[in-house]
PDB file of N, CA and C in Angstrom:
ATOM      1  N   UNK A   1      13.410  -6.007 -14.657  1.00  0.00           N
ATOM      2  CA  UNK A   1      13.817  -5.014 -13.677  1.00  0.00           C
ATOM      3  C   UNK A   1      13.340  -5.446 -12.294  1.00  0.00           C
ATOM      4  N   UNK A   2      14.171  -5.207 -11.318  1.00  0.00           N
ATOM      5  CA  UNK A   2      13.814  -5.464  -9.927  1.00  0.00           C
ATOM      6  C   UNK A   2      12.780  -4.443  -9.469  1.00  0.00           C
ATOM      7  N   UNK A   3      12.069  -4.766  -8.409  1.00  0.00           N
ATOM      8  CA  UNK A   3      11.133  -3.811  -7.812  1.00  0.00           C
ATOM      9  C   UNK A   3      11.899  -2.735  -7.056  1.00  0.00           C
ATOM     10  N   UNK A   4      11.316  -1.561  -7.011  1.00  0.00           N
ATOM     11  CA  UNK A   4      11.849  -0.468  -6.203  1.00  0.00           C
ATOM     12  C   UNK A   4      10.826  -0.214  -5.108  1.00  0.00           C
ATOM     13  N   UNK A   5      11.259  -0.286  -3.866  1.00  0.00           N
ATOM     14  CA  UNK A   5      10.355  -0.095  -2.738  1.00  0.00           C
ATOM     15  C   UNK A   5      10.825   1.122  -1.951  1.00  0.00           C
ATOM     16  N   UNK A   6       9.919   2.057  -1.760  1.00  0.00           N
ATOM     17  CA  UNK A   6      10.232   3.254  -0.986  1.00  0.00           C
ATOM     18  C   UNK A   6       9.609   3.130   0.396  1.00  0.00           C
ATOM     19  N   UNK A   7      10.407   3.378   1.423  1.00  0.00           N
ATOM     20  CA  UNK A   7       9.896   3.364   2.789  1.00  0.00           C
ATOM     21  C   UNK A   7      10.263   4.684   3.454  1.00  0.00           C
ATOM     22  N   UNK A   8       9.479   5.062   4.432  1.00  0.00           N
ATOM     23  CA  UNK A   8       9.770   6.298   5.142  1.00  0.00           C
ATOM     24  C   UNK A   8       8.615   6.698   6.029  1.00  0.00           C
ATOM     25  N   UNK A   9       8.811   7.773   6.719  1.00  0.00           N
ATOM     26  CA  UNK A   9       7.801   8.295   7.636  1.00  0.00           C
ATOM     27  C   UNK A   9       6.563   8.758   6.870  1.00  0.00           C
ATOM     28  N   UNK A  10       5.448   8.819   7.580  1.00  0.00           N
ATOM     29  CA  UNK A  10       4.191   9.293   7.013  1.00  0.00           C
ATOM     30  C   UNK A  10       4.376  10.700   6.449  1.00  0.00           C
ATOM     31  N   UNK A  11       3.832  10.911   5.256  1.00  0.00           N
ATOM     32  CA  UNK A  11       3.810  12.230   4.597  1.00  0.00           C
ATOM     33  C   UNK A  11       5.199  12.781   4.262  1.00  0.00           C
ATOM     34  N   UNK A  12       6.175  11.883   4.027  1.00  0.00           N
ATOM     35  CA  UNK A  12       7.521  12.364   3.685  1.00  0.00           C
ATOM     36  C   UNK A  12       7.751  12.450   2.179  1.00  0.00           C
ATOM     37  N   UNK A  13       6.749  12.029   1.378  1.00  0.00           N
ATOM     38  CA  UNK A  13       6.875  12.160  -0.071  1.00  0.00           C
ATOM     39  C   UNK A  13       7.107  10.864  -0.824  1.00  0.00           C
ATOM     40  N   UNK A  14       6.881   9.727  -0.177  1.00  0.00           N
ATOM     41  CA  UNK A  14       7.105   8.434  -0.834  1.00  0.00           C
ATOM     42  C   UNK A  14       6.283   8.287  -2.109  1.00  0.00           C
ATOM     43  N   UNK A  15       5.009   8.618  -2.045  1.00  0.00           N
ATOM     44  CA  UNK A  15       4.138   8.484  -3.220  1.00  0.00           C
ATOM     45  C   UNK A  15       4.550   9.444  -4.328  1.00  0.00           C
ATOM     46  N   UNK A  16       4.872  10.653  -3.955  1.00  0.00           N
ATOM     47  CA  UNK A  16       5.291  11.649  -4.950  1.00  0.00           C
ATOM     48  C   UNK A  16       6.557  11.195  -5.668  1.00  0.00           C
ATOM     49  N   UNK A  17       7.551  10.785  -4.904  1.00  0.00           N
ATOM     50  CA  UNK A  17       8.814  10.329  -5.485  1.00  0.00           C
ATOM     51  C   UNK A  17       8.603   9.036  -6.272  1.00  0.00           C
ATOM     52  N   UNK A  18       7.800   8.136  -5.726  1.00  0.00           N
ATOM     53  CA  UNK A  18       7.529   6.872  -6.410  1.00  0.00           C
ATOM     54  C   UNK A  18       6.893   7.073  -7.773  1.00  0.00           C
ATOM     55  N   UNK A  19       5.938   7.973  -7.847  1.00  0.00           N
ATOM     56  CA  UNK A  19       5.284   8.268  -9.132  1.00  0.00           C
ATOM     57  C   UNK A  19       6.279   8.864 -10.122  1.00  0.00           C
ATOM     58  N   UNK A  20       7.155   9.729  -9.640  1.00  0.00           N
ATOM     59  CA  UNK A  20       8.179  10.318 -10.513  1.00  0.00           C
ATOM     60  C   UNK A  20       9.159   9.258 -11.015  1.00  0.00           C
ATOM     61  N   UNK A  21       9.613   8.376 -10.119  1.00  0.00           N
ATOM     62  CA  UNK A  21      10.488   7.270 -10.522  1.00  0.00           C
ATOM     63  C   UNK A  21       9.814   6.410 -11.586  1.00  0.00           C
ATOM     64  N   UNK A  22       8.573   6.028 -11.315  1.00  0.00           N
ATOM     65  CA  UNK A  22       7.842   5.160 -12.243  1.00  0.00           C
ATOM     66  C   UNK A  22       7.717   5.806 -13.617  1.00  0.00           C
ATOM     67  N   UNK A  23       7.384   7.073 -13.627  1.00  0.00           N
ATOM     68  CA  UNK A  23       7.242   7.795 -14.899  1.00  0.00           C
ATOM     69  C   UNK A  23       8.584   7.854 -15.636  1.00  0.00           C
ATOM     70  N   UNK A  24       9.627   8.188 -14.923  1.00  0.00           N
ATOM     71  CA  UNK A  24      10.958   8.319 -15.522  1.00  0.00           C
ATOM     72  C   UNK A  24      11.471   6.980 -16.054  1.00  0.00           C
ATOM     73  N   UNK A  25      11.204   5.900 -15.314  1.00  0.00           N
ATOM     74  CA  UNK A  25      11.703   4.578 -15.695  1.00  0.00           C
ATOM     75  C   UNK A  25      10.743   3.811 -16.596  1.00  0.00           C
ATOM     76  N   UNK A  26       9.540   4.348 -16.786  1.00  0.00           N
ATOM     77  CA  UNK A  26       8.554   3.675 -17.626  1.00  0.00           C
ATOM     78  C   UNK A  26       8.019   2.395 -17.009  1.00  0.00           C
ATOM     79  N   UNK A  27       7.844   2.414 -15.692  1.00  0.00           N
ATOM     80  CA  UNK A  27       7.323   1.243 -14.990  1.00  0.00           C
ATOM     81  C   UNK A  27       6.036   1.609 -14.259  1.00  0.00           C
ATOM     82  N   UNK A  28       5.343   0.580 -13.792  1.00  0.00           N
ATOM     83  CA  UNK A  28       4.075   0.778 -13.089  1.00  0.00           C
ATOM     84  C   UNK A  28       4.332   1.206 -11.641  1.00  0.00           C
ATOM     85  N   UNK A  29       3.536   2.154 -11.168  1.00  0.00           N
ATOM     86  CA  UNK A  29       3.594   2.580  -9.769  1.00  0.00           C
ATOM     87  C   UNK A  29       2.448   1.917  -9.018  1.00  0.00           C
ATOM     88  N   UNK A  30       2.749   1.279  -7.912  1.00  0.00           N
ATOM     89  CA  UNK A  30       1.725   0.633  -7.088  1.00  0.00           C
ATOM     90  C   UNK A  30       1.744   1.272  -5.710  1.00  0.00           C
ATOM     91  N   UNK A  31       0.588   1.759  -5.294  1.00  0.00           N
ATOM     92  CA  UNK A  31       0.419   2.341  -3.961  1.00  0.00           C
ATOM     93  C   UNK A  31      -0.039   1.216  -3.035  1.00  0.00           C
ATOM     94  N   UNK A  32       0.836   0.754  -2.151  1.00  0.00           N
ATOM     95  CA  UNK A  32       0.540  -0.399  -1.304  1.00  0.00           C
ATOM     96  C   UNK A  32      -0.688  -0.179  -0.428  1.00  0.00           C
ATOM     97  N   UNK A  33      -0.868   1.028   0.076  1.00  0.00           N
ATOM     98  CA  UNK A  33      -2.033   1.306   0.923  1.00  0.00           C
ATOM     99  C   UNK A  33      -3.336   0.991   0.183  1.00  0.00           C
ATOM    100  N   UNK A  34      -3.415   1.389  -1.076  1.00  0.00           N
ATOM    101  CA  UNK A  34      -4.619   1.131  -1.872  1.00  0.00           C
ATOM    102  C   UNK A  34      -4.796  -0.359  -2.143  1.00  0.00           C
ATOM    103  N   UNK A  35      -3.694  -1.068  -2.358  1.00  0.00           N
ATOM    104  CA  UNK A  35      -3.770  -2.513  -2.598  1.00  0.00           C
ATOM    105  C   UNK A  35      -4.257  -3.242  -1.346  1.00  0.00           C
ATOM    106  N   UNK A  36      -3.827  -2.788  -0.179  1.00  0.00           N
ATOM    107  CA  UNK A  36      -4.288  -3.371   1.087  1.00  0.00           C
ATOM    108  C   UNK A  36      -5.786  -3.139   1.252  1.00  0.00           C
ATOM    109  N   UNK A  37      -6.240  -1.932   0.951  1.00  0.00           N
ATOM    110  CA  UNK A  37      -7.676  -1.621   1.046  1.00  0.00           C
ATOM    111  C   UNK A  37      -8.494  -2.494   0.101  1.00  0.00           C
ATOM    112  N   UNK A  38      -8.000  -2.720  -1.114  1.00  0.00           N
ATOM    113  CA  UNK A  38      -8.699  -3.581  -2.081  1.00  0.00           C
ATOM    114  C   UNK A  38      -8.762  -5.023  -1.576  1.00  0.00           C
ATOM    115  N   UNK A  39      -7.634  -5.536  -1.087  1.00  0.00           N
ATOM    116  CA  UNK A  39      -7.589  -6.913  -0.583  1.00  0.00           C
ATOM    117  C   UNK A  39      -8.536  -7.082   0.600  1.00  0.00           C
ATOM    118  N   UNK A  40      -8.586  -6.094   1.466  1.00  0.00           N
ATOM    119  CA  UNK A  40      -9.483  -6.152   2.619  1.00  0.00           C
ATOM    120  C   UNK A  40     -10.936  -6.171   2.169  1.00  0.00           C
ATOM    121  N   UNK A  41     -11.270  -5.350   1.190  1.00  0.00           N
ATOM    122  CA  UNK A  41     -12.648  -5.311   0.698  1.00  0.00           C
ATOM    123  C   UNK A  41     -13.038  -6.655   0.083  1.00  0.00           C
ATOM    124  N   UNK A  42     -12.132  -7.265  -0.663  1.00  0.00           N
ATOM    125  CA  UNK A  42     -12.404  -8.576  -1.260  1.00  0.00           C
ATOM    126  C   UNK A  42     -12.625  -9.619  -0.164  1.00  0.00           C
ATOM    127  N   UNK A  43     -11.785  -9.604   0.866  1.00  0.00           N
ATOM    128  CA  UNK A  43     -11.881 -10.592   1.953  1.00  0.00           C
ATOM    129  C   UNK A  43     -13.075 -10.370   2.867  1.00  0.00           C
ATOM    130  N   UNK A  44     -13.313  -9.127   3.254  1.00  0.00           N
ATOM    131  CA  UNK A  44     -14.295  -8.833   4.301  1.00  0.00           C
ATOM    132  C   UNK A  44     -15.541  -8.095   3.826  1.00  0.00           C
ATOM    133  N   UNK A  45     -15.554  -7.672   2.554  1.00  0.00           N
ATOM    134  CA  UNK A  45     -16.687  -6.887   2.022  1.00  0.00           C
ATOM    135  C   UNK A  45     -16.950  -5.658   2.894  1.00  0.00           C
ATOM    136  N   UNK A  46     -15.872  -5.040   3.328  1.00  0.00           N
ATOM    137  CA  UNK A  46     -15.928  -3.900   4.237  1.00  0.00           C
ATOM    138  C   UNK A  46     -14.970  -2.829   3.705  1.00  0.00           C
ATOM    139  N   UNK A  47     -15.477  -1.642   3.427  1.00  0.00           N
ATOM    140  CA  UNK A  47     -14.646  -0.573   2.868  1.00  0.00           C
ATOM    141  C   UNK A  47     -14.068   0.276   4.001  1.00  0.00           C
ATOM    142  N   UNK A  48     -12.776   0.101   4.236  1.00  0.00           N
ATOM    143  CA  UNK A  48     -12.063   0.851   5.266  1.00  0.00           C
ATOM    144  C   UNK A  48     -10.757   1.384   4.691  1.00  0.00           C
ATOM    145  N   UNK A  49     -10.238   2.454   5.294  1.00  0.00           N
ATOM    146  CA  UNK A  49      -8.908   2.923   4.918  1.00  0.00           C
ATOM    147  C   UNK A  49      -7.880   1.968   5.524  1.00  0.00           C
ATOM    148  N   UNK A  50      -6.651   2.037   5.035  1.00  0.00           N
ATOM    149  CA  UNK A  50      -5.624   1.139   5.571  1.00  0.00           C
ATOM    150  C   UNK A  50      -5.397   1.385   7.060  1.00  0.00           C
ATOM    151  N   UNK A  51      -5.518   2.618   7.510  1.00  0.00           N
ATOM    152  CA  UNK A  51      -5.368   2.911   8.947  1.00  0.00           C
ATOM    153  C   UNK A  51      -6.505   2.292   9.760  1.00  0.00           C
ATOM    154  N   UNK A  52      -7.726   2.374   9.226  1.00  0.00           N
ATOM    155  CA  UNK A  52      -8.882   1.777   9.913  1.00  0.00           C
ATOM    156  C   UNK A  52      -8.757   0.258   9.966  1.00  0.00           C
ATOM    157  N   UNK A  53      -8.235  -0.339   8.898  1.00  0.00           N
ATOM    158  CA  UNK A  53      -8.035  -1.793   8.859  1.00  0.00           C
ATOM    159  C   UNK A  53      -7.070  -2.200   9.968  1.00  0.00           C
ATOM    160  N   UNK A  54      -5.950  -1.493  10.075  1.00  0.00           N
ATOM    161  CA  UNK A  54      -4.949  -1.801  11.095  1.00  0.00           C
ATOM    162  C   UNK A  54      -5.540  -1.656  12.492  1.00  0.00           C
ATOM    163  N   UNK A  55      -6.254  -0.558  12.711  1.00  0.00           N
ATOM    164  CA  UNK A  55      -6.835  -0.287  14.030  1.00  0.00           C
ATOM    165  C   UNK A  55      -7.886  -1.334  14.406  1.00  0.00           C
ATOM    166  N   UNK A  56      -8.732  -1.715  13.457  1.00  0.00           N
ATOM    167  CA  UNK A  56      -9.834  -2.635  13.746  1.00  0.00           C
ATOM    168  C   UNK A  56      -9.381  -4.086  13.865  1.00  0.00           C
ATOM    169  N   UNK A  57      -8.478  -4.513  12.985  1.00  0.00           N
ATOM    170  CA  UNK A  57      -8.129  -5.935  12.892  1.00  0.00           C
ATOM    171  C   UNK A  57      -6.754  -6.291  13.456  1.00  0.00           C
ATOM    172  N   UNK A  58      -5.923  -5.298  13.719  1.00  0.00           N
ATOM    173  CA  UNK A  58      -4.627  -5.556  14.331  1.00  0.00           C
ATOM    174  C   UNK A  58      -3.498  -5.793  13.337  1.00  0.00           C
ATOM    175  N   UNK A  59      -2.294  -5.824  13.884  1.00  0.00           N
ATOM    176  CA  UNK A  59      -1.074  -5.906  13.079  1.00  0.00           C
ATOM    177  C   UNK A  59      -0.952  -7.212  12.306  1.00  0.00           C
ATOM    178  N   UNK A  60      -1.269  -8.339  12.935  1.00  0.00           N
ATOM    179  CA  UNK A  60      -1.111  -9.629  12.256  1.00  0.00           C
ATOM    180  C   UNK A  60      -1.993  -9.721  11.019  1.00  0.00           C
ATOM    181  N   UNK A  61      -3.247  -9.315  11.150  1.00  0.00           N
ATOM    182  CA  UNK A  61      -4.170  -9.328  10.013  1.00  0.00           C
ATOM    183  C   UNK A  61      -3.663  -8.392   8.918  1.00  0.00           C
ATOM    184  N   UNK A  62      -3.210  -7.215   9.320  1.00  0.00           N
ATOM    185  CA  UNK A  62      -2.711  -6.220   8.371  1.00  0.00           C
ATOM    186  C   UNK A  62      -1.513  -6.767   7.602  1.00  0.00           C
ATOM    187  N   UNK A  63      -0.589  -7.402   8.289  1.00  0.00           N
ATOM    188  CA  UNK A  63       0.606  -7.974   7.642  1.00  0.00           C
ATOM    189  C   UNK A  63       0.211  -9.066   6.646  1.00  0.00           C
ATOM    190  N   UNK A  64      -0.825  -9.830   6.966  1.00  0.00           N
ATOM    191  CA  UNK A  64      -1.324 -10.847   6.036  1.00  0.00           C
ATOM    192  C   UNK A  64      -1.810 -10.194   4.748  1.00  0.00           C
ATOM    193  N   UNK A  65      -2.530  -9.089   4.864  1.00  0.00           N
ATOM    194  CA  UNK A  65      -2.994  -8.374   3.671  1.00  0.00           C
ATOM    195  C   UNK A  65      -1.818  -7.811   2.880  1.00  0.00           C
ATOM    196  N   UNK A  66      -0.797  -7.338   3.568  1.00  0.00           N
ATOM    197  CA  UNK A  66       0.380  -6.790   2.876  1.00  0.00           C
ATOM    198  C   UNK A  66       1.046  -7.842   1.999  1.00  0.00           C
ATOM    199  N   UNK A  67       1.006  -9.080   2.428  1.00  0.00           N
ATOM    200  CA  UNK A  67       1.660 -10.164   1.686  1.00  0.00           C
ATOM    201  C   UNK A  67       0.889 -10.596   0.447  1.00  0.00           C
ATOM    202  N   UNK A  68      -0.400 -10.259   0.377  1.00  0.00           N
ATOM    203  CA  UNK A  68      -1.225 -10.706  -0.755  1.00  0.00           C
ATOM    204  C   UNK A  68      -0.831 -10.040  -2.019  1.00  0.00           C
TER     205      UNK A  68
END
């Protein structure tokens, strides 16, 4: 199965809908924000939210974490 990626404005229900899709289709749901936070902690040994990571390190660094 191909990946399903949900995009949209902040707080529009992406996570809620994504979890419902995953449950209905029997696939794994991945919250990208949490994966970015984990990757950042592994790289920098610094626990920050995804918003704090973006603010502190900038867009280029953030995009690098998104690709991991």
